[in-house]
Amino acid sequence: MIQDTSMRGTRLGALSYERDDNVEPAERCIVRYECDKGHATLVPFFVEAEDIPLDWSCRCGRTAQAAHSVPNMAEPDTTPAKHVRSHWDMLMERRTIADLETLMAERLSEIHAEFKAEELELARTA
């Protein structure tokens, strides 16, 4: 007689035959997040979690804020927003308005001279 060693009626990785009757669940704290539309989301976190976020993504697509503080909650960012320098800001660090007006007048005179030279050249060839 051939002995069959496989278990019939099971799939690999599909089910676990272990039972959690005597397993103690991890201690959790529940954080309530609320969005502007009034939706509330309850999110369980492990008590010893490193950083619990200040905000959470709401089901409506908005950002929900934590309604209360818990011990390991992340600190709010208090650093002031850094001003992004534009091209104009960087230019004004190097030049004054008077310098820019002088440069513009010089450049316009060069452009007018080139334009007049092209007109003279066209008049000669025509």
PDB file of N, CA and C in Angstrom:
ATOM      1  N   MET A   1       0.833  -1.173   0.000  1.00  0.00           N
ATOM      2  CA  MET A   1       0.000   0.000   0.000  1.00  0.00           C
ATOM      3  C   MET A   1       0.887   1.250   0.000  1.00  0.00           C
ATOM      4  N   ILE A   2       0.520   2.256  -0.829  1.00  0.00           N
ATOM      5  CA  ILE A   2       1.284   3.498  -0.928  1.00  0.00           C
ATOM      6  C   ILE A   2       0.776   4.462   0.147  1.00  0.00           C
ATOM      7  N   GLN A   3       1.738   5.018   0.864  1.00  0.00           N
ATOM      8  CA  GLN A   3       1.363   5.935   1.947  1.00  0.00           C
ATOM      9  C   GLN A   3       1.414   7.370   1.420  1.00  0.00           C
ATOM     10  N   ASP A   4       0.325   8.116   1.597  1.00  0.00           N
ATOM     11  CA  ASP A   4       0.235   9.506   1.130  1.00  0.00           C
ATOM     12  C   ASP A   4       0.610  10.426   2.289  1.00  0.00           C
ATOM     13  N   THR A   5       1.644  11.260   2.086  1.00  0.00           N
ATOM     14  CA  THR A   5       2.115  12.130   3.165  1.00  0.00           C
ATOM     15  C   THR A   5       1.571  13.546   3.068  1.00  0.00           C
ATOM     16  N   SER A   6       0.851  13.880   2.043  1.00  0.00           N
ATOM     17  CA  SER A   6       0.331  15.245   1.911  1.00  0.00           C
ATOM     18  C   SER A   6      -0.990  15.375   2.661  1.00  0.00           C
ATOM     19  N   MET A   7      -1.295  16.604   3.074  1.00  0.00           N
ATOM     20  CA  MET A   7      -2.569  16.856   3.756  1.00  0.00           C
ATOM     21  C   MET A   7      -3.596  17.227   2.702  1.00  0.00           C
ATOM     22  N   ARG A   8      -4.662  16.494   2.653  1.00  0.00           N
ATOM     23  CA  ARG A   8      -5.680  16.751   1.653  1.00  0.00           C
ATOM     24  C   ARG A   8      -6.589  17.900   2.108  1.00  0.00           C
ATOM     25  N   GLY A   9      -7.001  18.702   1.116  1.00  0.00           N
ATOM     26  CA  GLY A   9      -7.963  19.760   1.387  1.00  0.00           C
ATOM     27  C   GLY A   9      -7.350  21.039   1.939  1.00  0.00           C
ATOM     28  N   THR A  10      -6.037  21.184   1.856  1.00  0.00           N
ATOM     29  CA  THR A  10      -5.415  22.418   2.343  1.00  0.00           C
ATOM     30  C   THR A  10      -4.588  23.039   1.232  1.00  0.00           C
ATOM     31  N   ARG A  11      -4.367  24.338   1.367  1.00  0.00           N
ATOM     32  CA  ARG A  11      -3.512  25.072   0.437  1.00  0.00           C
ATOM     33  C   ARG A  11      -2.350  25.640   1.230  1.00  0.00           C
ATOM     34  N   LEU A  12      -1.233  25.754   0.617  1.00  0.00           N
ATOM     35  CA  LEU A  12      -0.071  26.306   1.309  1.00  0.00           C
ATOM     36  C   LEU A  12      -0.297  27.773   1.629  1.00  0.00           C
ATOM     37  N   GLY A  13      -0.101  28.154   2.872  1.00  0.00           N
ATOM     38  CA  GLY A  13      -0.202  29.549   3.274  1.00  0.00           C
ATOM     39  C   GLY A  13      -1.603  30.096   3.362  1.00  0.00           C
ATOM     40  N   ALA A  14      -2.598  29.313   3.107  1.00  0.00           N
ATOM     41  CA  ALA A  14      -3.957  29.821   3.080  1.00  0.00           C
ATOM     42  C   ALA A  14      -4.530  29.966   4.483  1.00  0.00           C
ATOM     43  N   LEU A  15      -4.313  28.975   5.322  1.00  0.00           N
ATOM     44  CA  LEU A  15      -4.894  28.999   6.656  1.00  0.00           C
ATOM     45  C   LEU A  15      -3.842  28.684   7.696  1.00  0.00           C
ATOM     46  N   SER A  16      -4.032  29.226   8.856  1.00  0.00           N
ATOM     47  CA  SER A  16      -3.171  28.875   9.969  1.00  0.00           C
ATOM     48  C   SER A  16      -3.990  28.020  10.926  1.00  0.00           C
ATOM     49  N   TYR A  17      -3.397  26.914  11.364  1.00  0.00           N
ATOM     50  CA  TYR A  17      -4.094  26.040  12.295  1.00  0.00           C
ATOM     51  C   TYR A  17      -3.778  26.375  13.747  1.00  0.00           C
ATOM     52  N   GLU A  18      -3.022  27.477  13.931  1.00  0.00           N
ATOM     53  CA  GLU A  18      -2.727  27.916  15.294  1.00  0.00           C
ATOM     54  C   GLU A  18      -3.938  28.645  15.856  1.00  0.00           C
ATOM     55  N   ARG A  19      -4.091  28.566  17.149  1.00  0.00           N
ATOM     56  CA  ARG A  19      -5.205  29.258  17.806  1.00  0.00           C
ATOM     57  C   ARG A  19      -4.630  30.295  18.755  1.00  0.00           C
ATOM     58  N   ASP A  20      -5.320  31.403  18.890  1.00  0.00           N
ATOM     59  CA  ASP A  20      -4.841  32.477  19.755  1.00  0.00           C
ATOM     60  C   ASP A  20      -5.674  32.590  21.031  1.00  0.00           C
ATOM     61  N   ASP A  21      -6.083  31.480  21.556  1.00  0.00           N
ATOM     62  CA  ASP A  21      -6.897  31.487  22.774  1.00  0.00           C
ATOM     63  C   ASP A  21      -6.138  32.059  23.967  1.00  0.00           C
ATOM     64  N   ASN A  22      -4.890  31.706  24.136  1.00  0.00           N
ATOM     65  CA  ASN A  22      -4.128  32.134  25.301  1.00  0.00           C
ATOM     66  C   ASN A  22      -3.116  33.223  24.981  1.00  0.00           C
ATOM     67  N   VAL A  23      -3.275  33.899  23.869  1.00  0.00           N
ATOM     68  CA  VAL A  23      -2.349  34.950  23.470  1.00  0.00           C
ATOM     69  C   VAL A  23      -2.898  36.290  23.946  1.00  0.00           C
ATOM     70  N   GLU A  24      -2.052  37.032  24.648  1.00  0.00           N
ATOM     71  CA  GLU A  24      -2.430  38.356  25.155  1.00  0.00           C
ATOM     72  C   GLU A  24      -2.145  39.385  24.066  1.00  0.00           C
ATOM     73  N   PRO A  25      -3.127  40.185  23.640  1.00  0.00           N
ATOM     74  CA  PRO A  25      -2.865  41.188  22.602  1.00  0.00           C
ATOM     75  C   PRO A  25      -1.962  42.302  23.139  1.00  0.00           C
ATOM     76  N   ALA A  26      -1.239  42.956  22.236  1.00  0.00           N
ATOM     77  CA  ALA A  26      -0.351  44.048  22.618  1.00  0.00           C
ATOM     78  C   ALA A  26      -1.164  45.220  23.158  1.00  0.00           C
ATOM     79  N   GLU A  27      -0.567  45.929  24.100  1.00  0.00           N
ATOM     80  CA  GLU A  27      -1.253  47.078  24.689  1.00  0.00           C
ATOM     81  C   GLU A  27      -1.287  48.211  23.663  1.00  0.00           C
ATOM     82  N   ARG A  28      -2.449  48.808  23.515  1.00  0.00           N
ATOM     83  CA  ARG A  28      -2.625  49.835  22.496  1.00  0.00           C
ATOM     84  C   ARG A  28      -3.207  51.110  23.090  1.00  0.00           C
ATOM     85  N   CYS A  29      -2.958  52.208  22.400  1.00  0.00           N
ATOM     86  CA  CYS A  29      -3.663  53.455  22.709  1.00  0.00           C
ATOM     87  C   CYS A  29      -4.370  53.860  21.407  1.00  0.00           C
ATOM     88  N   ILE A  30      -5.543  54.402  21.536  1.00  0.00           N
ATOM     89  CA  ILE A  30      -6.338  54.759  20.359  1.00  0.00           C
ATOM     90  C   ILE A  30      -6.345  56.270  20.227  1.00  0.00           C
ATOM     91  N   VAL A  31      -5.934  56.742  19.052  1.00  0.00           N
ATOM     92  CA  VAL A  31      -5.871  58.178  18.771  1.00  0.00           C
ATOM     93  C   VAL A  31      -7.034  58.532  17.857  1.00  0.00           C
ATOM     94  N   ARG A  32      -7.734  59.608  18.206  1.00  0.00           N
ATOM     95  CA  ARG A  32      -8.873  60.074  17.409  1.00  0.00           C
ATOM     96  C   ARG A  32      -8.407  61.231  16.534  1.00  0.00           C
ATOM     97  N   TYR A  33      -8.629  61.082  15.239  1.00  0.00           N
ATOM     98  CA  TYR A  33      -8.291  62.121  14.274  1.00  0.00           C
ATOM     99  C   TYR A  33      -9.593  62.673  13.699  1.00  0.00           C
ATOM    100  N   GLU A  34      -9.664  64.007  13.584  1.00  0.00           N
ATOM    101  CA  GLU A  34     -10.864  64.666  13.056  1.00  0.00           C
ATOM    102  C   GLU A  34     -10.471  65.611  11.928  1.00  0.00           C
ATOM    103  N   CYS A  35     -11.271  65.587  10.843  1.00  0.00           N
ATOM    104  CA  CYS A  35     -11.010  66.491   9.721  1.00  0.00           C
ATOM    105  C   CYS A  35     -11.961  67.689   9.789  1.00  0.00           C
ATOM    106  N   ASP A  36     -11.803  68.612   8.843  1.00  0.00           N
ATOM    107  CA  ASP A  36     -12.615  69.833   8.793  1.00  0.00           C
ATOM    108  C   ASP A  36     -14.090  69.537   8.549  1.00  0.00           C
ATOM    109  N   LYS A  37     -14.384  68.441   7.865  1.00  0.00           N
ATOM    110  CA  LYS A  37     -15.779  68.100   7.564  1.00  0.00           C
ATOM    111  C   LYS A  37     -16.473  67.394   8.715  1.00  0.00           C
ATOM    112  N   GLY A  38     -15.752  67.139   9.818  1.00  0.00           N
ATOM    113  CA  GLY A  38     -16.352  66.503  10.978  1.00  0.00           C
ATOM    114  C   GLY A  38     -16.214  64.997  11.029  1.00  0.00           C
ATOM    115  N   HIS A  39     -15.499  64.416  10.064  1.00  0.00           N
ATOM    116  CA  HIS A  39     -15.273  62.975  10.096  1.00  0.00           C
ATOM    117  C   HIS A  39     -14.289  62.639  11.203  1.00  0.00           C
ATOM    118  N   ALA A  40     -14.527  61.552  11.901  1.00  0.00           N
ATOM    119  CA  ALA A  40     -13.616  61.090  12.949  1.00  0.00           C
ATOM    120  C   ALA A  40     -13.076  59.716  12.568  1.00  0.00           C
ATOM    121  N   THR A  41     -11.775  59.553  12.764  1.00  0.00           N
ATOM    122  CA  THR A  41     -11.114  58.286  12.489  1.00  0.00           C
ATOM    123  C   THR A  41     -10.388  57.841  13.742  1.00  0.00           C
ATOM    124  N   LEU A  42     -10.619  56.617  14.181  1.00  0.00           N
ATOM    125  CA  LEU A  42      -9.935  56.062  15.342  1.00  0.00           C
ATOM    126  C   LEU A  42      -8.847  55.128  14.853  1.00  0.00           C
ATOM    127  N   VAL A  43      -7.606  55.408  15.259  1.00  0.00           N
ATOM    128  CA  VAL A  43      -6.469  54.615  14.808  1.00  0.00           C
ATOM    129  C   VAL A  43      -5.758  54.038  16.030  1.00  0.00           C
ATOM    130  N   PRO A  44      -5.641  52.705  16.117  1.00  0.00           N
ATOM    131  CA  PRO A  44      -4.918  52.097  17.243  1.00  0.00           C
ATOM    132  C   PRO A  44      -3.408  52.098  16.981  1.00  0.00           C
ATOM    133  N   PHE A  45      -2.628  52.448  18.006  1.00  0.00           N
ATOM    134  CA  PHE A  45      -1.173  52.420  17.936  1.00  0.00           C
ATOM    135  C   PHE A  45      -0.648  51.626  19.120  1.00  0.00           C
ATOM    136  N   PHE A  46       0.481  50.986  18.930  1.00  0.00           N
ATOM    137  CA  PHE A  46       1.158  50.284  20.007  1.00  0.00           C
ATOM    138  C   PHE A  46       1.589  51.317  21.039  1.00  0.00           C
ATOM    139  N   VAL A  47       1.464  50.998  22.315  1.00  0.00           N
ATOM    140  CA  VAL A  47       1.757  51.956  23.387  1.00  0.00           C
ATOM    141  C   VAL A  47       3.192  52.463  23.304  1.00  0.00           C
ATOM    142  N   GLU A  48       4.119  51.611  22.894  1.00  0.00           N
ATOM    143  CA  GLU A  48       5.520  52.008  22.836  1.00  0.00           C
ATOM    144  C   GLU A  48       5.945  52.456  21.438  1.00  0.00           C
ATOM    145  N   ALA A  49       5.006  52.881  20.610  1.00  0.00           N
ATOM    146  CA  ALA A  49       5.332  53.343  19.257  1.00  0.00           C
ATOM    147  C   ALA A  49       6.259  54.539  19.341  1.00  0.00           C
ATOM    148  N   GLU A  50       7.211  54.611  18.415  1.00  0.00           N
ATOM    149  CA  GLU A  50       8.205  55.681  18.430  1.00  0.00           C
ATOM    150  C   GLU A  50       7.573  57.049  18.159  1.00  0.00           C
ATOM    151  N   ASP A  51       6.961  57.213  17.012  1.00  0.00           N
ATOM    152  CA  ASP A  51       6.362  58.494  16.632  1.00  0.00           C
ATOM    153  C   ASP A  51       4.942  58.269  16.155  1.00  0.00           C
ATOM    154  N   ILE A  52       4.005  58.833  16.855  1.00  0.00           N
ATOM    155  CA  ILE A  52       2.606  58.789  16.436  1.00  0.00           C
ATOM    156  C   ILE A  52       2.342  60.090  15.687  1.00  0.00           C
ATOM    157  N   PRO A  53       1.841  60.011  14.452  1.00  0.00           N
ATOM    158  CA  PRO A  53       1.713  61.225  13.640  1.00  0.00           C
ATOM    159  C   PRO A  53       0.667  62.198  14.187  1.00  0.00           C
ATOM    160  N   LEU A  54       0.890  63.489  13.920  1.00  0.00           N
ATOM    161  CA  LEU A  54      -0.048  64.540  14.325  1.00  0.00           C
ATOM    162  C   LEU A  54      -1.273  64.581  13.419  1.00  0.00           C
ATOM    163  N   ASP A  55      -1.095  64.167  12.167  1.00  0.00           N
ATOM    164  CA  ASP A  55      -2.225  64.194  11.235  1.00  0.00           C
ATOM    165  C   ASP A  55      -2.351  62.851  10.528  1.00  0.00           C
ATOM    166  N   TRP A  56      -3.533  62.614   9.990  1.00  0.00           N
ATOM    167  CA  TRP A  56      -3.871  61.337   9.352  1.00  0.00           C
ATOM    168  C   TRP A  56      -4.687  61.638   8.120  1.00  0.00           C
ATOM    169  N   SER A  57      -4.637  60.795   7.143  1.00  0.00           N
ATOM    170  CA  SER A  57      -5.397  60.992   5.918  1.00  0.00           C
ATOM    171  C   SER A  57      -6.846  60.552   6.151  1.00  0.00           C
ATOM    172  N   CYS A  58      -7.787  61.464   5.952  1.00  0.00           N
ATOM    173  CA  CYS A  58      -9.201  61.171   6.172  1.00  0.00           C
ATOM    174  C   CYS A  58      -9.784  60.459   4.949  1.00  0.00           C
ATOM    175  N   ARG A  59     -10.892  59.805   5.125  1.00  0.00           N
ATOM    176  CA  ARG A  59     -11.535  59.079   4.027  1.00  0.00           C
ATOM    177  C   ARG A  59     -12.068  60.020   2.951  1.00  0.00           C
ATOM    178  N   CYS A  60     -12.271  61.296   3.299  1.00  0.00           N
ATOM    179  CA  CYS A  60     -12.772  62.251   2.307  1.00  0.00           C
ATOM    180  C   CYS A  60     -11.629  62.890   1.516  1.00  0.00           C
ATOM    181  N   GLY A  61     -10.379  62.539   1.849  1.00  0.00           N
ATOM    182  CA  GLY A  61      -9.233  63.067   1.122  1.00  0.00           C
ATOM    183  C   GLY A  61      -8.561  64.233   1.808  1.00  0.00           C
ATOM    184  N   ARG A  62      -9.156  64.770   2.852  1.00  0.00           N
ATOM    185  CA  ARG A  62      -8.549  65.880   3.580  1.00  0.00           C
ATOM    186  C   ARG A  62      -7.593  65.362   4.640  1.00  0.00           C
ATOM    187  N   THR A  63      -6.915  66.272   5.305  1.00  0.00           N
ATOM    188  CA  THR A  63      -6.000  65.898   6.377  1.00  0.00           C
ATOM    189  C   THR A  63      -6.715  66.065   7.706  1.00  0.00           C
ATOM    190  N   ALA A  64      -6.721  64.992   8.492  1.00  0.00           N
ATOM    191  CA  ALA A  64      -7.362  65.022   9.802  1.00  0.00           C
ATOM    192  C   ALA A  64      -6.301  65.257  10.872  1.00  0.00           C
ATOM    193  N   GLN A  65      -6.620  66.082  11.856  1.00  0.00           N
ATOM    194  CA  GLN A  65      -5.706  66.402  12.953  1.00  0.00           C
ATOM    195  C   GLN A  65      -6.056  65.566  14.174  1.00  0.00           C
ATOM    196  N   ALA A  66      -5.034  65.279  14.994  1.00  0.00           N
ATOM    197  CA  ALA A  66      -5.264  64.525  16.228  1.00  0.00           C
ATOM    198  C   ALA A  66      -6.104  65.362  17.182  1.00  0.00           C
ATOM    199  N   ALA A  67      -7.153  64.751  17.743  1.00  0.00           N
ATOM    200  CA  ALA A  67      -8.059  65.471  18.635  1.00  0.00           C
ATOM    201  C   ALA A  67      -7.474  65.596  20.040  1.00  0.00           C
ATOM    202  N   HIS A  68      -6.560  64.707  20.401  1.00  0.00           N
ATOM    203  CA  HIS A  68      -5.943  64.763  21.727  1.00  0.00           C
ATOM    204  C   HIS A  68      -4.494  64.297  21.619  1.00  0.00           C
ATOM    205  N   SER A  69      -3.718  64.562  22.639  1.00  0.00           N
ATOM    206  CA  SER A  69      -2.309  64.221  22.627  1.00  0.00           C
ATOM    207  C   SER A  69      -2.069  62.916  23.380  1.00  0.00           C
ATOM    208  N   VAL A  70      -1.125  62.132  22.905  1.00  0.00           N
ATOM    209  CA  VAL A  70      -0.716  60.902  23.573  1.00  0.00           C
ATOM    210  C   VAL A  70       0.796  60.987  23.817  1.00  0.00           C
ATOM    211  N   PRO A  71       1.345  60.148  24.694  1.00  0.00           N
ATOM    212  CA  PRO A  71       2.742  60.299  25.100  1.00  0.00           C
ATOM    213  C   PRO A  71       3.785  60.341  23.973  1.00  0.00           C
ATOM    214  N   ASN A  72       3.722  59.498  22.974  1.00  0.00           N
ATOM    215  CA  ASN A  72       4.767  59.452  21.947  1.00  0.00           C
ATOM    216  C   ASN A  72       4.392  60.188  20.666  1.00  0.00           C
ATOM    217  N   MET A  73       3.525  61.172  20.763  1.00  0.00           N
ATOM    218  CA  MET A  73       3.079  61.883  19.565  1.00  0.00           C
ATOM    219  C   MET A  73       4.212  62.760  19.030  1.00  0.00           C
ATOM    220  N   ALA A  74       4.307  62.844  17.727  1.00  0.00           N
ATOM    221  CA  ALA A  74       5.341  63.651  17.082  1.00  0.00           C
ATOM    222  C   ALA A  74       5.173  65.113  17.472  1.00  0.00           C
ATOM    223  N   GLU A  75       6.287  65.820  17.510  1.00  0.00           N
ATOM    224  CA  GLU A  75       6.266  67.248  17.837  1.00  0.00           C
ATOM    225  C   GLU A  75       5.875  68.050  16.599  1.00  0.00           C
ATOM    226  N   PRO A  76       5.075  69.098  16.783  1.00  0.00           N
ATOM    227  CA  PRO A  76       4.744  69.935  15.620  1.00  0.00           C
ATOM    228  C   PRO A  76       5.985  70.679  15.138  1.00  0.00           C
ATOM    229  N   ASP A  77       6.054  70.904  13.844  1.00  0.00           N
ATOM    230  CA  ASP A  77       7.188  71.602  13.253  1.00  0.00           C
ATOM    231  C   ASP A  77       7.076  73.087  13.553  1.00  0.00           C
ATOM    232  N   THR A  78       7.965  73.594  14.404  1.00  0.00           N
ATOM    233  CA  THR A  78       7.904  75.002  14.808  1.00  0.00           C
ATOM    234  C   THR A  78       8.933  75.859  14.089  1.00  0.00           C
ATOM    235  N   THR A  79       9.725  75.263  13.198  1.00  0.00           N
ATOM    236  CA  THR A  79      10.705  76.056  12.471  1.00  0.00           C
ATOM    237  C   THR A  79       9.971  76.965  11.489  1.00  0.00           C
ATOM    238  N   PRO A  80      10.362  78.220  11.424  1.00  0.00           N
ATOM    239  CA  PRO A  80       9.679  79.127  10.506  1.00  0.00           C
ATOM    240  C   PRO A  80       9.938  78.712   9.057  1.00  0.00           C
ATOM    241  N   ALA A  81       8.946  78.934   8.226  1.00  0.00           N
ATOM    242  CA  ALA A  81       9.059  78.571   6.813  1.00  0.00           C
ATOM    243  C   ALA A  81      10.148  79.419   6.168  1.00  0.00           C
ATOM    244  N   LYS A  82      11.055  78.763   5.457  1.00  0.00           N
ATOM    245  CA  LYS A  82      12.156  79.463   4.818  1.00  0.00           C
ATOM    246  C   LYS A  82      11.651  80.170   3.568  1.00  0.00           C
ATOM    247  N   HIS A  83      12.000  81.435   3.461  1.00  0.00           N
ATOM    248  CA  HIS A  83      11.590  82.219   2.298  1.00  0.00           C
ATOM    249  C   HIS A  83      12.346  81.737   1.076  1.00  0.00           C
ATOM    250  N   VAL A  84      11.624  81.414   0.028  1.00  0.00           N
ATOM    251  CA  VAL A  84      12.248  80.968  -1.207  1.00  0.00           C
ATOM    252  C   VAL A  84      12.625  82.206  -2.002  1.00  0.00           C
ATOM    253  N   ARG A  85      13.913  82.311  -2.277  1.00  0.00           N
ATOM    254  CA  ARG A  85      14.381  83.497  -2.999  1.00  0.00           C
ATOM    255  C   ARG A  85      14.084  83.348  -4.480  1.00  0.00           C
ATOM    256  N   SER A  86      13.515  84.377  -5.050  1.00  0.00           N
ATOM    257  CA  SER A  86      13.232  84.373  -6.483  1.00  0.00           C
ATOM    258  C   SER A  86      14.439  84.959  -7.228  1.00  0.00           C
ATOM    259  N   HIS A  87      14.392  84.927  -8.557  1.00  0.00           N
ATOM    260  CA  HIS A  87      15.462  85.522  -9.357  1.00  0.00           C
ATOM    261  C   HIS A  87      15.572  87.017  -9.055  1.00  0.00           C
ATOM    262  N   TRP A  88      14.428  87.654  -8.884  1.00  0.00           N
ATOM    263  CA  TRP A  88      14.426  89.087  -8.589  1.00  0.00           C
ATOM    264  C   TRP A  88      15.107  89.370  -7.252  1.00  0.00           C
ATOM    265  N   ASP A  89      14.832  88.556  -6.240  1.00  0.00           N
ATOM    266  CA  ASP A  89      15.470  88.744  -4.929  1.00  0.00           C
ATOM    267  C   ASP A  89      16.984  88.623  -5.035  1.00  0.00           C
ATOM    268  N   MET A  90      17.456  87.618  -5.770  1.00  0.00           N
ATOM    269  CA  MET A  90      18.899  87.443  -5.917  1.00  0.00           C
ATOM    270  C   MET A  90      19.525  88.583  -6.720  1.00  0.00           C
ATOM    271  N   LEU A  91      18.807  89.090  -7.718  1.00  0.00           N
ATOM    272  CA  LEU A  91      19.298  90.213  -8.496  1.00  0.00           C
ATOM    273  C   LEU A  91      19.406  91.459  -7.627  1.00  0.00           C
ATOM    274  N   MET A  92      18.398  91.673  -6.781  1.00  0.00           N
ATOM    275  CA  MET A  92      18.405  92.856  -5.921  1.00  0.00           C
ATOM    276  C   MET A  92      19.487  92.784  -4.831  1.00  0.00           C
ATOM    277  N   GLU A  93      20.008  91.602  -4.557  1.00  0.00           N
ATOM    278  CA  GLU A  93      21.129  91.484  -3.624  1.00  0.00           C
ATOM    279  C   GLU A  93      22.418  91.998  -4.250  1.00  0.00           C
ATOM    280  N   ARG A  94      22.502  91.935  -5.596  1.00  0.00           N
ATOM    281  CA  ARG A  94      23.729  92.344  -6.279  1.00  0.00           C
ATOM    282  C   ARG A  94      23.651  93.744  -6.882  1.00  0.00           C
ATOM    283  N   ARG A  95      22.472  94.196  -7.227  1.00  0.00           N
ATOM    284  CA  ARG A  95      22.325  95.471  -7.952  1.00  0.00           C
ATOM    285  C   ARG A  95      21.279  96.356  -7.278  1.00  0.00           C
ATOM    286  N   THR A  96      21.363  97.652  -7.590  1.00  0.00           N
ATOM    287  CA  THR A  96      20.329  98.585  -7.145  1.00  0.00           C
ATOM    288  C   THR A  96      19.448  98.907  -8.345  1.00  0.00           C
ATOM    289  N   ILE A  97      18.324  99.570  -8.094  1.00  0.00           N
ATOM    290  CA  ILE A  97      17.417  99.945  -9.195  1.00  0.00           C
ATOM    291  C   ILE A  97      18.140 100.902 -10.150  1.00  0.00           C
ATOM    292  N   ALA A  98      18.929 101.817  -9.621  1.00  0.00           N
ATOM    293  CA  ALA A  98      19.665 102.762 -10.476  1.00  0.00           C
ATOM    294  C   ALA A  98      20.644 102.015 -11.378  1.00  0.00           C
ATOM    295  N   ASP A  99      21.358 101.011 -10.833  1.00  0.00           N
ATOM    296  CA  ASP A  99      22.268 100.209 -11.655  1.00  0.00           C
ATOM    297  C   ASP A  99      21.506  99.491 -12.762  1.00  0.00           C
ATOM    298  N   LEU A 100      20.367  98.946 -12.436  1.00  0.00           N
ATOM    299  CA  LEU A 100      19.567  98.219 -13.425  1.00  0.00           C
ATOM    300  C   LEU A 100      19.054  99.141 -14.519  1.00  0.00           C
ATOM    301  N   GLU A 101      18.654 100.360 -14.141  1.00  0.00           N
ATOM    302  CA  GLU A 101      18.186 101.314 -15.151  1.00  0.00           C
ATOM    303  C   GLU A 101      19.322 101.710 -16.088  1.00  0.00           C
ATOM    304  N   THR A 102      20.527 101.878 -15.558  1.00  0.00           N
ATOM    305  CA  THR A 102      21.689 102.211 -16.388  1.00  0.00           C
ATOM    306  C   THR A 102      21.997 101.064 -17.349  1.00  0.00           C
ATOM    307  N   LEU A 103      22.013  99.838 -16.831  1.00  0.00           N
ATOM    308  CA  LEU A 103      22.263  98.677 -17.681  1.00  0.00           C
ATOM    309  C   LEU A 103      21.199  98.538 -18.771  1.00  0.00           C
ATOM    310  N   MET A 104      19.937  98.799 -18.425  1.00  0.00           N
ATOM    311  CA  MET A 104      18.870  98.700 -19.414  1.00  0.00           C
ATOM    312  C   MET A 104      19.043  99.758 -20.502  1.00  0.00           C
ATOM    313  N   ALA A 105      19.416 100.984 -20.119  1.00  0.00           N
ATOM    314  CA  ALA A 105      19.613 102.030 -21.122  1.00  0.00           C
ATOM    315  C   ALA A 105      20.768 101.669 -22.053  1.00  0.00           C
ATOM    316  N   GLU A 106      21.873 101.139 -21.514  1.00  0.00           N
ATOM    317  CA  GLU A 106      23.003 100.733 -22.349  1.00  0.00           C
ATOM    318  C   GLU A 106      22.599  99.624 -23.322  1.00  0.00           C
ATOM    319  N   ARG A 107      21.887  98.640 -22.822  1.00  0.00           N
ATOM    320  CA  ARG A 107      21.488  97.513 -23.662  1.00  0.00           C
ATOM    321  C   ARG A 107      20.509  97.952 -24.750  1.00  0.00           C
ATOM    322  N   LEU A 108      19.568  98.840 -24.393  1.00  0.00           N
ATOM    323  CA  LEU A 108      18.621  99.345 -25.400  1.00  0.00           C
ATOM    324  C   LEU A 108      19.337 100.136 -26.481  1.00  0.00           C
ATOM    325  N   SER A 109      20.344 100.909 -26.105  1.00  0.00           N
ATOM    326  CA  SER A 109      21.091 101.671 -27.123  1.00  0.00           C
ATOM    327  C   SER A 109      21.857 100.730 -28.047  1.00  0.00           C
ATOM    328  N   GLU A 110      22.402  99.625 -27.503  1.00  0.00           N
ATOM    329  CA  GLU A 110      23.091  98.634 -28.341  1.00  0.00           C
ATOM    330  C   GLU A 110      22.103  97.974 -29.307  1.00  0.00           C
ATOM    331  N   ILE A 111      20.926  97.640 -28.821  1.00  0.00           N
ATOM    332  CA  ILE A 111      19.917  96.986 -29.673  1.00  0.00           C
ATOM    333  C   ILE A 111      19.473  97.932 -30.774  1.00  0.00           C
ATOM    334  N   HIS A 112      19.262  99.222 -30.436  1.00  0.00           N
ATOM    335  CA  HIS A 112      18.853 100.200 -31.454  1.00  0.00           C
ATOM    336  C   HIS A 112      19.963 100.374 -32.488  1.00  0.00           C
ATOM    337  N   ALA A 113      21.228 100.383 -32.066  1.00  0.00           N
ATOM    338  CA  ALA A 113      22.339 100.534 -32.999  1.00  0.00           C
ATOM    339  C   ALA A 113      22.391  99.335 -33.947  1.00  0.00           C
ATOM    340  N   GLU A 114      22.207  98.122 -33.406  1.00  0.00           N
ATOM    341  CA  GLU A 114      22.212  96.928 -34.263  1.00  0.00           C
ATOM    342  C   GLU A 114      21.048  96.963 -35.249  1.00  0.00           C
ATOM    343  N   PHE A 115      19.891  97.410 -34.788  1.00  0.00           N
ATOM    344  CA  PHE A 115      18.711  97.475 -35.649  1.00  0.00           C
ATOM    345  C   PHE A 115      18.944  98.470 -36.785  1.00  0.00           C
ATOM    346  N   LYS A 116      19.554  99.646 -36.471  1.00  0.00           N
ATOM    347  CA  LYS A 116      19.829 100.662 -37.501  1.00  0.00           C
ATOM    348  C   LYS A 116      20.866 100.144 -38.493  1.00  0.00           C
ATOM    349  N   ALA A 117      21.857  99.398 -37.997  1.00  0.00           N
ATOM    350  CA  ALA A 117      22.875  98.844 -38.896  1.00  0.00           C
ATOM    351  C   ALA A 117      22.239  97.835 -39.844  1.00  0.00           C
ATOM    352  N   GLU A 118      21.313  97.032 -39.361  1.00  0.00           N
ATOM    353  CA  GLU A 118      20.621  96.066 -40.231  1.00  0.00           C
ATOM    354  C   GLU A 118      19.757  96.802 -41.252  1.00  0.00           C
ATOM    355  N   GLU A 119      19.119  97.912 -40.850  1.00  0.00           N
ATOM    356  CA  GLU A 119      18.303  98.681 -41.801  1.00  0.00           C
ATOM    357  C   GLU A 119      19.175  99.269 -42.910  1.00  0.00           C
ATOM    358  N   LEU A 120      20.353  99.808 -42.540  1.00  0.00           N
ATOM    359  CA  LEU A 120      21.254 100.376 -43.532  1.00  0.00           C
ATOM    360  C   LEU A 120      21.734  99.306 -44.502  1.00  0.00           C
ATOM    361  N   GLU A 121      22.052  98.127 -43.991  1.00  0.00           N
ATOM    362  CA  GLU A 121      22.499  97.013 -44.820  1.00  0.00           C
ATOM    363  C   GLU A 121      21.410  96.590 -45.802  1.00  0.00           C
ATOM    364  N   LEU A 122      20.154  96.530 -45.310  1.00  0.00           N
ATOM    365  CA  LEU A 122      19.042  96.183 -46.203  1.00  0.00           C
ATOM    366  C   LEU A 122      18.803  97.262 -47.249  1.00  0.00           C
ATOM    367  N   ALA A 123      18.999  98.535 -46.889  1.00  0.00           N
ATOM    368  CA  ALA A 123      18.780  99.625 -47.836  1.00  0.00           C
ATOM    369  C   ALA A 123      19.838  99.591 -48.946  1.00  0.00           C
ATOM    370  N   ARG A 124      21.076  99.197 -48.590  1.00  0.00           N
ATOM    371  CA  ARG A 124      22.132  99.127 -49.591  1.00  0.00           C
ATOM    372  C   ARG A 124      21.917  97.990 -50.585  1.00  0.00           C
ATOM    373  N   THR A 125      21.416  96.872 -50.091  1.00  0.00           N
ATOM    374  CA  THR A 125      21.235  95.706 -50.968  1.00  0.00           C
ATOM    375  C   THR A 125      19.977  95.824 -51.815  1.00  0.00           C
ATOM    376  N   ALA A 126      19.051  96.682 -51.411  1.00  0.00           N
ATOM    377  CA  ALA A 126      17.790  96.767 -52.140  1.00  0.00           C
ATOM    378  C   ALA A 126      17.863  97.685 -53.332  1.00  0.00           C
TER     379      ALA A 126
END
